[in-house]
Amino acid sequence: MGDDGPVEGRGEQIQRAEREAARQRLLAQAEAERIPAEETTRAVPDRRWRRGQR
């Protein structure tokens, strides 16, 4: 048998395509649920904890 390298069968091609499709769905979902950094790092003054220190 003179195999010159790995031969990808139809099943492997289908699995690779399904993995890529799943990866794209996950990336799209993550992007849709992403919260921009500007919204998560906005400082909100909260001095309630200092009330008893004055």
N, C-alpha and C. Protein backbone atom coordinates (compact mmCIF):
# COMPACT_ATOMS: atom_id res chain seq x y z
N MET A 1 0.84 -1.18 0.00
CA MET A 1 0.00 0.00 0.00
C MET A 1 0.89 1.24 0.00
N GLY A 2 0.76 2.05 -1.00
CA GLY A 2 1.63 3.20 -1.15
C GLY A 2 0.98 4.51 -0.77
N ASP A 3 0.51 4.63 0.44
CA ASP A 3 -0.07 5.89 0.90
C ASP A 3 1.03 6.94 1.02
N ASP A 4 0.82 8.07 0.37
CA ASP A 4 1.80 9.15 0.43
C ASP A 4 1.51 10.12 1.58
N GLY A 5 0.42 9.95 2.26
CA GLY A 5 0.06 10.85 3.37
C GLY A 5 -1.36 10.54 3.80
N PRO A 6 -1.83 11.25 4.80
CA PRO A 6 -3.19 10.99 5.27
C PRO A 6 -4.23 11.41 4.23
N VAL A 7 -5.15 10.53 3.98
CA VAL A 7 -6.23 10.81 3.04
C VAL A 7 -7.48 11.08 3.86
N GLU A 8 -8.08 12.24 3.64
CA GLU A 8 -9.26 12.62 4.40
C GLU A 8 -10.49 12.05 3.73
N GLY A 9 -11.25 11.27 4.47
CA GLY A 9 -12.47 10.68 3.94
C GLY A 9 -13.63 11.64 4.04
N ARG A 10 -14.73 11.20 3.47
CA ARG A 10 -15.94 12.03 3.47
C ARG A 10 -16.41 12.33 4.89
N GLY A 11 -16.33 11.33 5.78
CA GLY A 11 -16.76 11.52 7.17
C GLY A 11 -15.95 12.59 7.87
N GLU A 12 -14.62 12.58 7.66
CA GLU A 12 -13.77 13.59 8.27
C GLU A 12 -14.08 14.99 7.73
N GLN A 13 -14.38 15.07 6.44
CA GLN A 13 -14.72 16.36 5.85
C GLN A 13 -16.00 16.91 6.47
N ILE A 14 -16.98 16.04 6.66
CA ILE A 14 -18.25 16.46 7.25
C ILE A 14 -18.04 16.90 8.69
N GLN A 15 -17.26 16.12 9.45
CA GLN A 15 -16.99 16.49 10.85
C GLN A 15 -16.26 17.82 10.94
N ARG A 16 -15.30 18.04 10.06
CA ARG A 16 -14.56 19.30 10.08
C ARG A 16 -15.49 20.47 9.76
N ALA A 17 -16.39 20.27 8.79
CA ALA A 17 -17.33 21.33 8.43
C ALA A 17 -18.29 21.61 9.60
N GLU A 18 -18.74 20.55 10.27
CA GLU A 18 -19.64 20.73 11.41
C GLU A 18 -18.95 21.44 12.56
N ARG A 19 -17.68 21.10 12.82
CA ARG A 19 -16.93 21.78 13.88
C ARG A 19 -16.76 23.26 13.56
N GLU A 20 -16.46 23.57 12.32
CA GLU A 20 -16.29 24.97 11.92
C GLU A 20 -17.61 25.73 12.04
N ALA A 21 -18.71 25.09 11.65
CA ALA A 21 -20.02 25.74 11.76
C ALA A 21 -20.36 25.99 13.24
N ALA A 22 -20.07 25.02 14.10
CA ALA A 22 -20.32 25.19 15.53
C ALA A 22 -19.45 26.32 16.09
N ARG A 23 -18.21 26.38 15.64
CA ARG A 23 -17.30 27.43 16.10
C ARG A 23 -17.84 28.80 15.70
N GLN A 24 -18.31 28.92 14.48
CA GLN A 24 -18.86 30.19 14.01
C GLN A 24 -20.11 30.58 14.81
N ARG A 25 -20.96 29.61 15.12
CA ARG A 25 -22.16 29.90 15.93
C ARG A 25 -21.77 30.40 17.32
N LEU A 26 -20.77 29.75 17.93
CA LEU A 26 -20.32 30.17 19.26
C LEU A 26 -19.74 31.58 19.22
N LEU A 27 -18.95 31.86 18.21
CA LEU A 27 -18.36 33.20 18.10
C LEU A 27 -19.45 34.25 17.89
N ALA A 28 -20.45 33.95 17.08
CA ALA A 28 -21.54 34.89 16.84
C ALA A 28 -22.34 35.11 18.12
N GLN A 29 -22.61 34.05 18.87
CA GLN A 29 -23.34 34.17 20.13
C GLN A 29 -22.55 34.99 21.14
N ALA A 30 -21.25 34.72 21.24
CA ALA A 30 -20.41 35.47 22.18
C ALA A 30 -20.38 36.95 21.82
N GLU A 31 -20.30 37.25 20.55
CA GLU A 31 -20.27 38.65 20.12
C GLU A 31 -21.61 39.32 20.42
N ALA A 32 -22.72 38.60 20.24
CA ALA A 32 -24.03 39.17 20.51
C ALA A 32 -24.22 39.45 22.00
N GLU A 33 -23.61 38.63 22.86
CA GLU A 33 -23.77 38.79 24.31
C GLU A 33 -22.69 39.66 24.94
N ARG A 34 -21.75 40.10 24.13
CA ARG A 34 -20.61 40.87 24.65
C ARG A 34 -21.07 42.23 25.17
N ILE A 35 -20.49 42.62 26.30
CA ILE A 35 -20.75 43.94 26.87
C ILE A 35 -19.52 44.79 26.59
N PRO A 36 -19.70 45.94 25.94
CA PRO A 36 -18.54 46.79 25.65
C PRO A 36 -17.78 47.17 26.91
N ALA A 37 -16.48 47.24 26.81
CA ALA A 37 -15.63 47.55 27.96
C ALA A 37 -15.97 48.91 28.56
N GLU A 38 -16.40 49.85 27.72
CA GLU A 38 -16.74 51.18 28.23
C GLU A 38 -17.87 51.09 29.25
N GLU A 39 -18.78 50.14 29.06
CA GLU A 39 -19.91 50.01 29.98
C GLU A 39 -19.52 49.30 31.27
N THR A 40 -18.52 48.46 31.22
CA THR A 40 -18.15 47.70 32.41
C THR A 40 -17.14 48.43 33.28
N THR A 41 -16.46 49.43 32.73
CA THR A 41 -15.42 50.11 33.49
C THR A 41 -15.83 51.51 33.91
N ARG A 42 -17.07 51.88 33.67
CA ARG A 42 -17.54 53.21 34.04
C ARG A 42 -17.56 53.34 35.55
N ALA A 43 -16.92 54.36 36.06
CA ALA A 43 -16.84 54.57 37.50
C ALA A 43 -18.12 55.22 38.00
N VAL A 44 -18.66 54.66 39.06
CA VAL A 44 -19.85 55.21 39.68
C VAL A 44 -19.48 55.58 41.11
N PRO A 45 -19.53 56.86 41.44
CA PRO A 45 -19.16 57.25 42.80
C PRO A 45 -20.10 56.62 43.82
N ASP A 46 -19.53 55.97 44.79
CA ASP A 46 -20.32 55.34 45.84
C ASP A 46 -19.60 55.56 47.15
N ARG A 47 -20.01 56.59 47.89
CA ARG A 47 -19.31 56.95 49.11
C ARG A 47 -20.07 56.51 50.35
N ARG A 48 -21.05 55.64 50.18
CA ARG A 48 -21.85 55.21 51.32
C ARG A 48 -20.98 54.57 52.39
N TRP A 49 -19.93 53.88 52.01
CA TRP A 49 -19.08 53.17 52.97
C TRP A 49 -18.29 54.14 53.85
N ARG A 50 -18.21 55.42 53.43
CA ARG A 50 -17.45 56.41 54.21
C ARG A 50 -18.31 57.13 55.24
N ARG A 51 -19.59 56.93 55.27
CA ARG A 51 -20.49 57.71 56.12
C ARG A 51 -20.06 57.71 57.58
N GLY A 52 -19.64 56.57 58.09
CA GLY A 52 -19.30 56.49 59.50
C GLY A 52 -17.88 56.95 59.81
N GLN A 53 -17.10 57.36 58.80
CA GLN A 53 -15.70 57.70 59.02
C GLN A 53 -15.48 59.18 59.24
N ARG A 54 -16.47 60.01 59.12
CA ARG A 54 -16.25 61.47 59.24
C ARG A 54 -16.35 61.94 60.63
